[in-house]
Amino acid sequence: MRPINTRTLLLNEAEKLLRTQGYAAFSYADLAAKVKIRKASIHHHFPTKEDLGVAVIDAYLEEFAHELDRLTNSSADTPTKLLAYGDFFSASLRDGMMPLCGALAADAVELPSSMQRRVKRFFQLHLEWLQLTLSEGIRARELKSEPSASRSALTLLSTLQGASIVAWALKDASNVKATYKQVLETIIR
């Protein structure tokens, strides 16, 4: 197994700090203590905290887009794909962390505009995938045609984001899946 490089280690630890403390609450000193390097070494890889935040979001977006593509290309029916999509949220609550873009959205006022644009793009990616998947499910007669795919996409995403915040606050991720499934059942034929 190859050792993890410093840049990757910084991105991983910064993501954990963003998801547990938020953007405004952590500093390079916190990150340096976690990674056990000097702050100057962090600045070598990421001159500013904004550069670090952008890199974390970009890496997360790339990985998430890949997971959505994998799910899209699976042979599963639409309800199964939608349930698997919901599992992303349950999995993201591991180790007391919030979903990354939910945590960043909560800090939106504190975020530089470059990060705000990426957070918005992340939510748009969710909605686009959901709308496409829901539309396919409606055409395949696996899902009800009302409400519309766009309305259902917003409802499903909002349910998962809200349930994730409640689960994070209660330190109990077990209700995310059940809550999402309950809402999802209202649109399945």
N, C-alpha and C. Protein backbone atom coordinates (compact mmCIF):
# COMPACT_ATOMS: atom_id res chain seq x y z
N MET A 1 0.84 -1.18 0.00
CA MET A 1 0.00 0.00 0.00
C MET A 1 0.89 1.24 0.00
N ARG A 2 0.58 2.17 -0.92
CA ARG A 2 1.35 3.40 -1.00
C ARG A 2 1.01 4.34 0.15
N PRO A 3 2.03 5.02 0.70
CA PRO A 3 1.72 5.98 1.75
C PRO A 3 0.94 7.16 1.15
N ILE A 4 0.09 7.74 1.96
CA ILE A 4 -0.72 8.86 1.52
C ILE A 4 0.16 10.11 1.45
N ASN A 5 0.02 10.89 0.38
CA ASN A 5 0.87 12.09 0.29
C ASN A 5 0.30 13.22 1.16
N THR A 6 1.13 14.20 1.43
CA THR A 6 0.76 15.28 2.35
C THR A 6 -0.45 16.05 1.87
N ARG A 7 -0.52 16.35 0.58
CA ARG A 7 -1.66 17.09 0.04
C ARG A 7 -2.97 16.32 0.29
N THR A 8 -2.96 15.03 0.00
CA THR A 8 -4.16 14.22 0.20
C THR A 8 -4.52 14.15 1.67
N LEU A 9 -3.53 14.00 2.51
CA LEU A 9 -3.77 13.97 3.95
C LEU A 9 -4.39 15.29 4.42
N LEU A 10 -3.88 16.40 3.92
CA LEU A 10 -4.44 17.72 4.27
C LEU A 10 -5.89 17.83 3.81
N LEU A 11 -6.17 17.39 2.59
CA LEU A 11 -7.55 17.45 2.08
C LEU A 11 -8.48 16.58 2.93
N ASN A 12 -8.05 15.38 3.28
CA ASN A 12 -8.88 14.49 4.10
C ASN A 12 -9.17 15.08 5.47
N GLU A 13 -8.15 15.60 6.11
CA GLU A 13 -8.33 16.16 7.46
C GLU A 13 -9.12 17.48 7.41
N ALA A 14 -8.89 18.28 6.37
CA ALA A 14 -9.66 19.53 6.23
C ALA A 14 -11.14 19.21 6.02
N GLU A 15 -11.43 18.17 5.24
CA GLU A 15 -12.83 17.78 5.04
C GLU A 15 -13.46 17.40 6.38
N LYS A 16 -12.75 16.64 7.19
CA LYS A 16 -13.28 16.25 8.50
C LYS A 16 -13.55 17.48 9.36
N LEU A 17 -12.64 18.44 9.35
CA LEU A 17 -12.84 19.66 10.14
C LEU A 17 -14.03 20.46 9.61
N LEU A 18 -14.16 20.56 8.29
CA LEU A 18 -15.30 21.26 7.71
C LEU A 18 -16.61 20.60 8.10
N ARG A 19 -16.62 19.27 8.12
CA ARG A 19 -17.85 18.53 8.39
C ARG A 19 -18.17 18.41 9.87
N THR A 20 -17.23 18.69 10.75
CA THR A 20 -17.50 18.62 12.19
C THR A 20 -17.53 19.99 12.85
N GLN A 21 -16.75 20.94 12.34
CA GLN A 21 -16.68 22.26 12.97
C GLN A 21 -17.21 23.38 12.11
N GLY A 22 -17.17 23.20 10.79
CA GLY A 22 -17.58 24.26 9.87
C GLY A 22 -16.38 25.06 9.41
N TYR A 23 -16.56 25.77 8.32
CA TYR A 23 -15.48 26.53 7.70
C TYR A 23 -14.93 27.62 8.63
N ALA A 24 -15.82 28.38 9.22
CA ALA A 24 -15.40 29.52 10.03
C ALA A 24 -14.69 29.11 11.32
N ALA A 25 -14.98 27.91 11.80
CA ALA A 25 -14.50 27.51 13.13
C ALA A 25 -13.13 26.84 13.15
N PHE A 26 -12.59 26.47 12.00
CA PHE A 26 -11.28 25.82 12.04
C PHE A 26 -10.22 26.69 11.39
N SER A 27 -8.99 26.48 11.82
CA SER A 27 -7.87 27.27 11.33
C SER A 27 -6.76 26.36 10.82
N TYR A 28 -5.76 26.96 10.19
CA TYR A 28 -4.60 26.19 9.77
C TYR A 28 -3.88 25.60 10.97
N ALA A 29 -3.95 26.27 12.11
CA ALA A 29 -3.34 25.72 13.33
C ALA A 29 -4.03 24.41 13.72
N ASP A 30 -5.37 24.37 13.61
CA ASP A 30 -6.10 23.12 13.89
C ASP A 30 -5.68 22.02 12.93
N LEU A 31 -5.58 22.37 11.66
CA LEU A 31 -5.20 21.39 10.64
C LEU A 31 -3.77 20.92 10.85
N ALA A 32 -2.87 21.84 11.17
CA ALA A 32 -1.47 21.48 11.41
C ALA A 32 -1.36 20.50 12.58
N ALA A 33 -2.15 20.72 13.61
CA ALA A 33 -2.13 19.81 14.77
C ALA A 33 -2.64 18.43 14.39
N LYS A 34 -3.67 18.37 13.56
CA LYS A 34 -4.22 17.07 13.14
C LYS A 34 -3.23 16.28 12.29
N VAL A 35 -2.55 16.98 11.38
CA VAL A 35 -1.66 16.33 10.42
C VAL A 35 -0.24 16.22 10.97
N LYS A 36 0.02 16.97 12.03
CA LYS A 36 1.33 16.99 12.68
C LYS A 36 2.43 17.53 11.75
N ILE A 37 2.09 18.68 11.15
CA ILE A 37 3.08 19.42 10.36
C ILE A 37 2.97 20.89 10.74
N ARG A 38 3.92 21.67 10.26
CA ARG A 38 3.88 23.12 10.55
C ARG A 38 2.87 23.81 9.64
N LYS A 39 2.32 24.93 10.14
CA LYS A 39 1.38 25.71 9.33
C LYS A 39 2.01 26.13 8.01
N ALA A 40 3.28 26.45 8.02
CA ALA A 40 3.96 26.87 6.79
C ALA A 40 3.91 25.77 5.73
N SER A 41 3.94 24.53 6.17
CA SER A 41 3.85 23.41 5.22
C SER A 41 2.47 23.35 4.57
N ILE A 42 1.44 23.71 5.31
CA ILE A 42 0.09 23.75 4.74
C ILE A 42 0.03 24.85 3.68
N HIS A 43 0.60 26.01 4.00
CA HIS A 43 0.60 27.13 3.06
C HIS A 43 1.35 26.78 1.78
N HIS A 44 2.31 25.88 1.85
CA HIS A 44 3.02 25.43 0.65
C HIS A 44 2.04 24.76 -0.32
N HIS A 45 1.12 23.96 0.21
CA HIS A 45 0.15 23.25 -0.62
C HIS A 45 -1.08 24.10 -0.94
N PHE A 46 -1.51 24.88 0.03
CA PHE A 46 -2.72 25.70 -0.09
C PHE A 46 -2.42 27.08 0.50
N PRO A 47 -2.03 28.03 -0.35
CA PRO A 47 -1.63 29.34 0.16
C PRO A 47 -2.67 30.02 1.05
N THR A 48 -3.95 29.79 0.76
CA THR A 48 -5.01 30.41 1.58
C THR A 48 -6.01 29.36 2.01
N LYS A 49 -6.77 29.69 3.02
CA LYS A 49 -7.83 28.80 3.49
C LYS A 49 -8.89 28.62 2.40
N GLU A 50 -9.12 29.66 1.62
CA GLU A 50 -10.05 29.55 0.49
C GLU A 50 -9.55 28.52 -0.52
N ASP A 51 -8.24 28.54 -0.83
CA ASP A 51 -7.68 27.55 -1.76
C ASP A 51 -7.91 26.13 -1.22
N LEU A 52 -7.73 25.96 0.06
CA LEU A 52 -7.95 24.65 0.69
C LEU A 52 -9.42 24.26 0.58
N GLY A 53 -10.30 25.17 0.92
CA GLY A 53 -11.74 24.89 0.86
C GLY A 53 -12.19 24.54 -0.55
N VAL A 54 -11.71 25.27 -1.53
CA VAL A 54 -12.04 25.00 -2.93
C VAL A 54 -11.56 23.61 -3.32
N ALA A 55 -10.35 23.26 -2.93
CA ALA A 55 -9.79 21.95 -3.27
C ALA A 55 -10.59 20.82 -2.62
N VAL A 56 -11.02 21.01 -1.38
CA VAL A 56 -11.83 20.00 -0.69
C VAL A 56 -13.15 19.80 -1.44
N ILE A 57 -13.82 20.89 -1.76
CA ILE A 57 -15.11 20.79 -2.45
C ILE A 57 -14.94 20.16 -3.83
N ASP A 58 -13.92 20.59 -4.57
CA ASP A 58 -13.69 20.04 -5.91
C ASP A 58 -13.44 18.53 -5.86
N ALA A 59 -12.64 18.09 -4.91
CA ALA A 59 -12.37 16.65 -4.79
C ALA A 59 -13.65 15.90 -4.42
N TYR A 60 -14.43 16.46 -3.53
CA TYR A 60 -15.68 15.85 -3.10
C TYR A 60 -16.68 15.79 -4.26
N LEU A 61 -16.78 16.90 -5.01
CA LEU A 61 -17.68 16.95 -6.16
C LEU A 61 -17.30 15.90 -7.20
N GLU A 62 -16.03 15.76 -7.47
CA GLU A 62 -15.56 14.78 -8.44
C GLU A 62 -15.93 13.37 -8.01
N GLU A 63 -15.69 13.06 -6.77
CA GLU A 63 -16.01 11.72 -6.24
C GLU A 63 -17.52 11.48 -6.27
N PHE A 64 -18.29 12.50 -5.87
CA PHE A 64 -19.74 12.35 -5.83
C PHE A 64 -20.31 12.18 -7.23
N ALA A 65 -19.81 12.96 -8.20
CA ALA A 65 -20.26 12.83 -9.59
C ALA A 65 -19.97 11.42 -10.11
N HIS A 66 -18.82 10.89 -9.74
CA HIS A 66 -18.47 9.54 -10.15
C HIS A 66 -19.46 8.53 -9.55
N GLU A 67 -19.82 8.68 -8.29
CA GLU A 67 -20.77 7.78 -7.64
C GLU A 67 -22.16 7.88 -8.29
N LEU A 68 -22.56 9.11 -8.64
CA LEU A 68 -23.85 9.27 -9.32
C LEU A 68 -23.84 8.59 -10.69
N ASP A 69 -22.74 8.73 -11.42
CA ASP A 69 -22.61 8.08 -12.73
C ASP A 69 -22.69 6.56 -12.58
N ARG A 70 -22.01 6.04 -11.58
CA ARG A 70 -22.03 4.60 -11.33
C ARG A 70 -23.47 4.15 -11.05
N LEU A 71 -24.16 4.92 -10.24
CA LEU A 71 -25.54 4.58 -9.89
C LEU A 71 -26.45 4.70 -11.12
N THR A 72 -26.28 5.72 -11.91
CA THR A 72 -27.07 5.91 -13.13
C THR A 72 -26.89 4.73 -14.08
N ASN A 73 -25.67 4.27 -14.21
CA ASN A 73 -25.36 3.20 -15.16
C ASN A 73 -25.63 1.80 -14.62
N SER A 74 -26.09 1.71 -13.38
CA SER A 74 -26.41 0.38 -12.83
C SER A 74 -27.70 -0.13 -13.48
N SER A 75 -27.93 -1.40 -13.39
CA SER A 75 -29.12 -2.00 -13.99
C SER A 75 -30.32 -1.97 -13.04
N ALA A 76 -30.16 -1.35 -11.90
CA ALA A 76 -31.24 -1.31 -10.90
C ALA A 76 -32.44 -0.51 -11.40
N ASP A 77 -33.60 -0.83 -10.86
CA ASP A 77 -34.79 -0.05 -11.20
C ASP A 77 -34.71 1.30 -10.48
N THR A 78 -35.61 2.19 -10.84
CA THR A 78 -35.57 3.56 -10.30
C THR A 78 -35.72 3.61 -8.78
N PRO A 79 -36.70 2.92 -8.19
CA PRO A 79 -36.78 2.98 -6.73
C PRO A 79 -35.50 2.51 -6.03
N THR A 80 -34.86 1.49 -6.57
CA THR A 80 -33.62 1.00 -5.98
C THR A 80 -32.51 2.03 -6.11
N LYS A 81 -32.43 2.70 -7.25
CA LYS A 81 -31.44 3.76 -7.44
C LYS A 81 -31.68 4.90 -6.45
N LEU A 82 -32.93 5.26 -6.27
CA LEU A 82 -33.25 6.35 -5.35
C LEU A 82 -32.94 5.97 -3.90
N LEU A 83 -33.18 4.73 -3.54
CA LEU A 83 -32.81 4.27 -2.19
C LEU A 83 -31.29 4.30 -2.01
N ALA A 84 -30.56 3.87 -3.02
CA ALA A 84 -29.09 3.88 -2.95
C ALA A 84 -28.58 5.32 -2.85
N TYR A 85 -29.22 6.23 -3.54
CA TYR A 85 -28.87 7.64 -3.44
C TYR A 85 -29.04 8.12 -2.00
N GLY A 86 -30.13 7.75 -1.36
CA GLY A 86 -30.36 8.12 0.03
C GLY A 86 -29.31 7.56 0.96
N ASP A 87 -28.76 6.41 0.60
CA ASP A 87 -27.70 5.81 1.42
C ASP A 87 -26.45 6.68 1.46
N PHE A 88 -26.22 7.49 0.43
CA PHE A 88 -25.06 8.40 0.44
C PHE A 88 -25.13 9.31 1.68
N PHE A 89 -26.32 9.75 2.02
CA PHE A 89 -26.48 10.66 3.15
C PHE A 89 -26.25 9.94 4.47
N SER A 90 -26.81 8.76 4.59
CA SER A 90 -26.60 7.98 5.82
C SER A 90 -25.11 7.71 6.01
N ALA A 91 -24.44 7.32 4.94
CA ALA A 91 -23.01 7.02 5.02
C ALA A 91 -22.19 8.27 5.35
N SER A 92 -22.65 9.43 4.89
CA SER A 92 -21.87 10.65 5.12
C SER A 92 -21.92 11.12 6.57
N LEU A 93 -22.79 10.54 7.36
CA LEU A 93 -22.91 10.93 8.77
C LEU A 93 -21.98 10.14 9.69
N ARG A 94 -21.08 9.37 9.11
CA ARG A 94 -20.16 8.56 9.91
C ARG A 94 -19.28 9.44 10.81
N ASP A 95 -18.90 8.89 11.91
CA ASP A 95 -17.97 9.53 12.83
C ASP A 95 -18.38 10.93 13.26
N GLY A 96 -19.68 11.16 13.39
CA GLY A 96 -20.17 12.45 13.89
C GLY A 96 -20.02 13.60 12.91
N MET A 97 -19.92 13.28 11.61
CA MET A 97 -19.77 14.34 10.61
C MET A 97 -21.10 14.61 9.92
N MET A 98 -21.25 15.85 9.46
CA MET A 98 -22.39 16.23 8.63
C MET A 98 -22.02 16.01 7.18
N PRO A 99 -23.00 15.87 6.29
CA PRO A 99 -22.68 15.87 4.87
C PRO A 99 -21.95 17.19 4.53
N LEU A 100 -20.91 17.10 3.72
CA LEU A 100 -20.04 18.26 3.49
C LEU A 100 -20.79 19.50 3.03
N CYS A 101 -21.57 19.38 1.98
CA CYS A 101 -22.19 20.60 1.46
C CYS A 101 -23.31 21.11 2.36
N GLY A 102 -23.91 20.24 3.15
CA GLY A 102 -24.87 20.70 4.15
C GLY A 102 -24.16 21.53 5.21
N ALA A 103 -22.99 21.06 5.64
CA ALA A 103 -22.20 21.81 6.62
C ALA A 103 -21.75 23.15 6.04
N LEU A 104 -21.33 23.13 4.78
CA LEU A 104 -20.88 24.37 4.14
C LEU A 104 -22.04 25.33 3.89
N ALA A 105 -23.20 24.80 3.52
CA ALA A 105 -24.37 25.65 3.30
C ALA A 105 -24.76 26.37 4.59
N ALA A 106 -24.59 25.68 5.72
CA ALA A 106 -24.89 26.31 7.01
C ALA A 106 -23.93 27.46 7.31
N ASP A 107 -22.74 27.40 6.71
CA ASP A 107 -21.72 28.44 6.89
C ASP A 107 -21.68 29.42 5.71
N ALA A 108 -22.69 29.43 4.86
CA ALA A 108 -22.65 30.17 3.60
C ALA A 108 -22.23 31.62 3.75
N VAL A 109 -22.67 32.27 4.80
CA VAL A 109 -22.34 33.68 5.02
C VAL A 109 -20.83 33.87 5.18
N GLU A 110 -20.17 32.88 5.75
CA GLU A 110 -18.73 32.96 6.01
C GLU A 110 -17.87 32.52 4.84
N LEU A 111 -18.47 31.90 3.83
CA LEU A 111 -17.70 31.32 2.74
C LEU A 111 -17.31 32.37 1.70
N PRO A 112 -16.10 32.27 1.16
CA PRO A 112 -15.73 33.10 0.02
C PRO A 112 -16.63 32.76 -1.18
N SER A 113 -16.79 33.69 -2.09
CA SER A 113 -17.71 33.48 -3.22
C SER A 113 -17.32 32.26 -4.06
N SER A 114 -16.04 31.97 -4.20
CA SER A 114 -15.63 30.80 -4.99
C SER A 114 -16.17 29.51 -4.36
N MET A 115 -16.22 29.46 -3.06
CA MET A 115 -16.75 28.28 -2.37
C MET A 115 -18.28 28.27 -2.42
N GLN A 116 -18.89 29.44 -2.30
CA GLN A 116 -20.35 29.52 -2.39
C GLN A 116 -20.84 29.00 -3.73
N ARG A 117 -20.14 29.36 -4.81
CA ARG A 117 -20.51 28.88 -6.14
C ARG A 117 -20.42 27.36 -6.23
N ARG A 118 -19.40 26.79 -5.63
CA ARG A 118 -19.23 25.34 -5.67
C ARG A 118 -20.30 24.62 -4.84
N VAL A 119 -20.66 25.19 -3.71
CA VAL A 119 -21.72 24.60 -2.89
C VAL A 119 -23.03 24.63 -3.67
N LYS A 120 -23.30 25.76 -4.32
CA LYS A 120 -24.51 25.86 -5.14
C LYS A 120 -24.47 24.82 -6.25
N ARG A 121 -23.32 24.65 -6.89
CA ARG A 121 -23.18 23.66 -7.97
C ARG A 121 -23.42 22.24 -7.44
N PHE A 122 -22.97 21.99 -6.22
CA PHE A 122 -23.17 20.67 -5.63
C PHE A 122 -24.66 20.38 -5.48
N PHE A 123 -25.41 21.34 -4.97
CA PHE A 123 -26.85 21.13 -4.81
C PHE A 123 -27.53 21.02 -6.17
N GLN A 124 -27.06 21.78 -7.15
CA GLN A 124 -27.61 21.66 -8.50
C GLN A 124 -27.35 20.27 -9.08
N LEU A 125 -26.17 19.73 -8.82
CA LEU A 125 -25.83 18.39 -9.28
C LEU A 125 -26.81 17.37 -8.70
N HIS A 126 -27.09 17.49 -7.41
CA HIS A 126 -28.08 16.62 -6.77
C HIS A 126 -29.43 16.72 -7.47
N LEU A 127 -29.90 17.94 -7.64
CA LEU A 127 -31.23 18.15 -8.22
C LEU A 127 -31.29 17.66 -9.66
N GLU A 128 -30.25 17.92 -10.44
CA GLU A 128 -30.23 17.46 -11.83
C GLU A 128 -30.30 15.94 -11.90
N TRP A 129 -29.50 15.27 -11.07
CA TRP A 129 -29.50 13.81 -11.08
C TRP A 129 -30.87 13.28 -10.65
N LEU A 130 -31.40 13.85 -9.59
CA LEU A 130 -32.71 13.41 -9.12
C LEU A 130 -33.79 13.62 -10.17
N GLN A 131 -33.81 14.80 -10.80
CA GLN A 131 -34.83 15.08 -11.83
C GLN A 131 -34.72 14.09 -12.99
N LEU A 132 -33.52 13.83 -13.45
CA LEU A 132 -33.31 12.88 -14.54
C LEU A 132 -33.77 11.49 -14.14
N THR A 133 -33.37 11.05 -12.96
CA THR A 133 -33.72 9.71 -12.48
C THR A 133 -35.23 9.59 -12.26
N LEU A 134 -35.82 10.60 -11.67
CA LEU A 134 -37.26 10.59 -11.45
C LEU A 134 -38.02 10.60 -12.77
N SER A 135 -37.56 11.39 -13.73
CA SER A 135 -38.21 11.43 -15.05
C SER A 135 -38.15 10.07 -15.73
N GLU A 136 -37.01 9.40 -15.62
CA GLU A 136 -36.89 8.05 -16.18
C GLU A 136 -37.84 7.08 -15.48
N GLY A 137 -37.96 7.22 -14.17
CA GLY A 137 -38.88 6.37 -13.41
C GLY A 137 -40.33 6.62 -13.75
N ILE A 138 -40.67 7.86 -14.04
CA ILE A 138 -42.04 8.18 -14.46
C ILE A 138 -42.31 7.57 -15.83
N ARG A 139 -41.36 7.73 -16.75
CA ARG A 139 -41.53 7.15 -18.09
C ARG A 139 -41.64 5.62 -18.04
N ALA A 140 -40.90 5.01 -17.13
CA ALA A 140 -40.94 3.54 -16.98
C ALA A 140 -42.15 3.09 -16.17
N ARG A 141 -42.97 4.04 -15.73
CA ARG A 141 -44.17 3.77 -14.95
C ARG A 141 -43.85 3.11 -13.61
N GLU A 142 -42.64 3.38 -13.09
CA GLU A 142 -42.26 2.90 -11.76
C GLU A 142 -42.63 3.92 -10.69
N LEU A 143 -42.80 5.17 -11.13
CA LEU A 143 -43.12 6.27 -10.21
C LEU A 143 -44.37 7.00 -10.68
N LYS A 144 -45.05 7.63 -9.76
CA LYS A 144 -46.22 8.44 -10.09
C LYS A 144 -45.77 9.68 -10.84
N SER A 145 -46.64 10.19 -11.69
CA SER A 145 -46.28 11.38 -12.48
C SER A 145 -46.54 12.68 -11.72
N GLU A 146 -47.27 12.59 -10.63
CA GLU A 146 -47.52 13.76 -9.80
C GLU A 146 -47.04 13.47 -8.39
N PRO A 147 -46.33 14.34 -7.74
CA PRO A 147 -45.88 15.63 -8.25
C PRO A 147 -44.83 15.47 -9.36
N SER A 148 -44.50 16.57 -9.99
CA SER A 148 -43.56 16.55 -11.11
C SER A 148 -42.18 16.07 -10.64
N ALA A 149 -41.35 15.68 -11.60
CA ALA A 149 -39.99 15.24 -11.28
C ALA A 149 -39.21 16.36 -10.59
N SER A 150 -39.38 17.59 -11.04
CA SER A 150 -38.62 18.70 -10.42
C SER A 150 -39.09 18.95 -8.98
N ARG A 151 -40.40 18.87 -8.74
CA ARG A 151 -40.93 19.07 -7.38
C ARG A 151 -40.50 17.91 -6.47
N SER A 152 -40.57 16.70 -6.99
CA SER A 152 -40.15 15.54 -6.19
C SER A 152 -38.66 15.57 -5.89
N ALA A 153 -37.87 16.02 -6.87
CA ALA A 153 -36.42 16.12 -6.65
C ALA A 153 -36.12 17.06 -5.49
N LEU A 154 -36.76 18.20 -5.48
CA LEU A 154 -36.54 19.16 -4.40
C LEU A 154 -37.02 18.60 -3.07
N THR A 155 -38.14 17.90 -3.07
CA THR A 155 -38.66 17.30 -1.83
C THR A 155 -37.70 16.24 -1.30
N LEU A 156 -37.21 15.37 -2.18
CA LEU A 156 -36.30 14.30 -1.74
C LEU A 156 -34.99 14.86 -1.21
N LEU A 157 -34.41 15.82 -1.93
CA LEU A 157 -33.16 16.42 -1.46
C LEU A 157 -33.36 17.15 -0.14
N SER A 158 -34.43 17.90 -0.04
CA SER A 158 -34.71 18.63 1.20
C SER A 158 -34.93 17.68 2.37
N THR A 159 -35.61 16.58 2.11
CA THR A 159 -35.83 15.57 3.15
C THR A 159 -34.50 15.02 3.65
N LEU A 160 -33.62 14.66 2.72
CA LEU A 160 -32.33 14.09 3.11
C LEU A 160 -31.45 15.11 3.82
N GLN A 161 -31.42 16.32 3.33
CA GLN A 161 -30.60 17.35 4.00
C GLN A 161 -31.14 17.64 5.39
N GLY A 162 -32.45 17.82 5.49
CA GLY A 162 -33.05 18.10 6.80
C GLY A 162 -32.88 16.94 7.77
N ALA A 163 -33.11 15.73 7.30
CA ALA A 163 -32.96 14.56 8.15
C ALA A 163 -31.51 14.41 8.60
N SER A 164 -30.58 14.76 7.73
CA SER A 164 -29.16 14.67 8.08
C SER A 164 -28.80 15.66 9.19
N ILE A 165 -29.35 16.85 9.11
CA ILE A 165 -29.08 17.86 10.15
C ILE A 165 -29.66 17.40 11.49
N VAL A 166 -30.87 16.90 11.46
CA VAL A 166 -31.49 16.41 12.70
C VAL A 166 -30.68 15.23 13.25
N ALA A 167 -30.30 14.31 12.37
CA ALA A 167 -29.51 13.15 12.81
C ALA A 167 -28.18 13.58 13.40
N TRP A 168 -27.54 14.56 12.78
CA TRP A 168 -26.26 15.05 13.27
C TRP A 168 -26.44 15.68 14.66
N ALA A 169 -27.47 16.48 14.82
CA ALA A 169 -27.71 17.13 16.11
C ALA A 169 -28.02 16.12 17.20
N LEU A 170 -28.76 15.07 16.85
CA LEU A 170 -29.12 14.05 17.83
C LEU A 170 -28.05 12.97 17.98
N LYS A 171 -27.04 13.02 17.12
CA LYS A 171 -25.97 12.01 17.10
C LYS A 171 -26.56 10.62 16.88
N ASP A 172 -27.55 10.56 15.96
CA ASP A 172 -28.22 9.30 15.66
C ASP A 172 -28.63 9.29 14.19
N ALA A 173 -27.84 8.62 13.36
CA ALA A 173 -28.08 8.59 11.92
C ALA A 173 -29.16 7.59 11.51
N SER A 174 -29.68 6.84 12.44
CA SER A 174 -30.59 5.75 12.09
C SER A 174 -31.90 6.22 11.46
N ASN A 175 -32.32 7.44 11.72
CA ASN A 175 -33.61 7.90 11.21
C ASN A 175 -33.55 8.46 9.80
N VAL A 176 -32.37 8.72 9.28
CA VAL A 176 -32.27 9.34 7.95
C VAL A 176 -32.89 8.43 6.90
N LYS A 177 -32.49 7.19 6.89
CA LYS A 177 -32.98 6.25 5.88
C LYS A 177 -34.49 6.03 6.00
N ALA A 178 -34.98 5.87 7.22
CA ALA A 178 -36.41 5.62 7.43
C ALA A 178 -37.25 6.83 7.00
N THR A 179 -36.79 8.02 7.32
CA THR A 179 -37.51 9.24 6.95
C THR A 179 -37.55 9.40 5.43
N TYR A 180 -36.40 9.19 4.79
CA TYR A 180 -36.32 9.30 3.34
C TYR A 180 -37.20 8.26 2.67
N LYS A 181 -37.15 7.03 3.15
CA LYS A 181 -37.94 5.95 2.57
C LYS A 181 -39.44 6.26 2.67
N GLN A 182 -39.84 6.84 3.78
CA GLN A 182 -41.25 7.18 3.98
C GLN A 182 -41.71 8.20 2.93
N VAL A 183 -40.88 9.19 2.66
CA VAL A 183 -41.22 10.20 1.64
C VAL A 183 -41.15 9.58 0.25
N LEU A 184 -40.14 8.77 0.00
CA LEU A 184 -39.99 8.13 -1.30
C LEU A 184 -41.19 7.24 -1.63
N GLU A 185 -41.73 6.57 -0.64
CA GLU A 185 -42.88 5.68 -0.86
C GLU A 185 -44.11 6.41 -1.39
N THR A 186 -44.19 7.72 -1.16
CA THR A 186 -45.34 8.48 -1.64
C THR A 186 -45.33 8.67 -3.16
N ILE A 187 -44.19 8.45 -3.81
CA ILE A 187 -44.13 8.65 -5.26
C ILE A 187 -43.93 7.35 -6.04
N ILE A 188 -43.71 6.24 -5.33
CA ILE A 188 -43.53 4.95 -6.00
C ILE A 188 -44.90 4.35 -6.31
N ARG A 189 -45.05 3.83 -7.51
CA ARG A 189 -46.32 3.18 -7.92
C ARG A 189 -46.51 1.87 -7.19
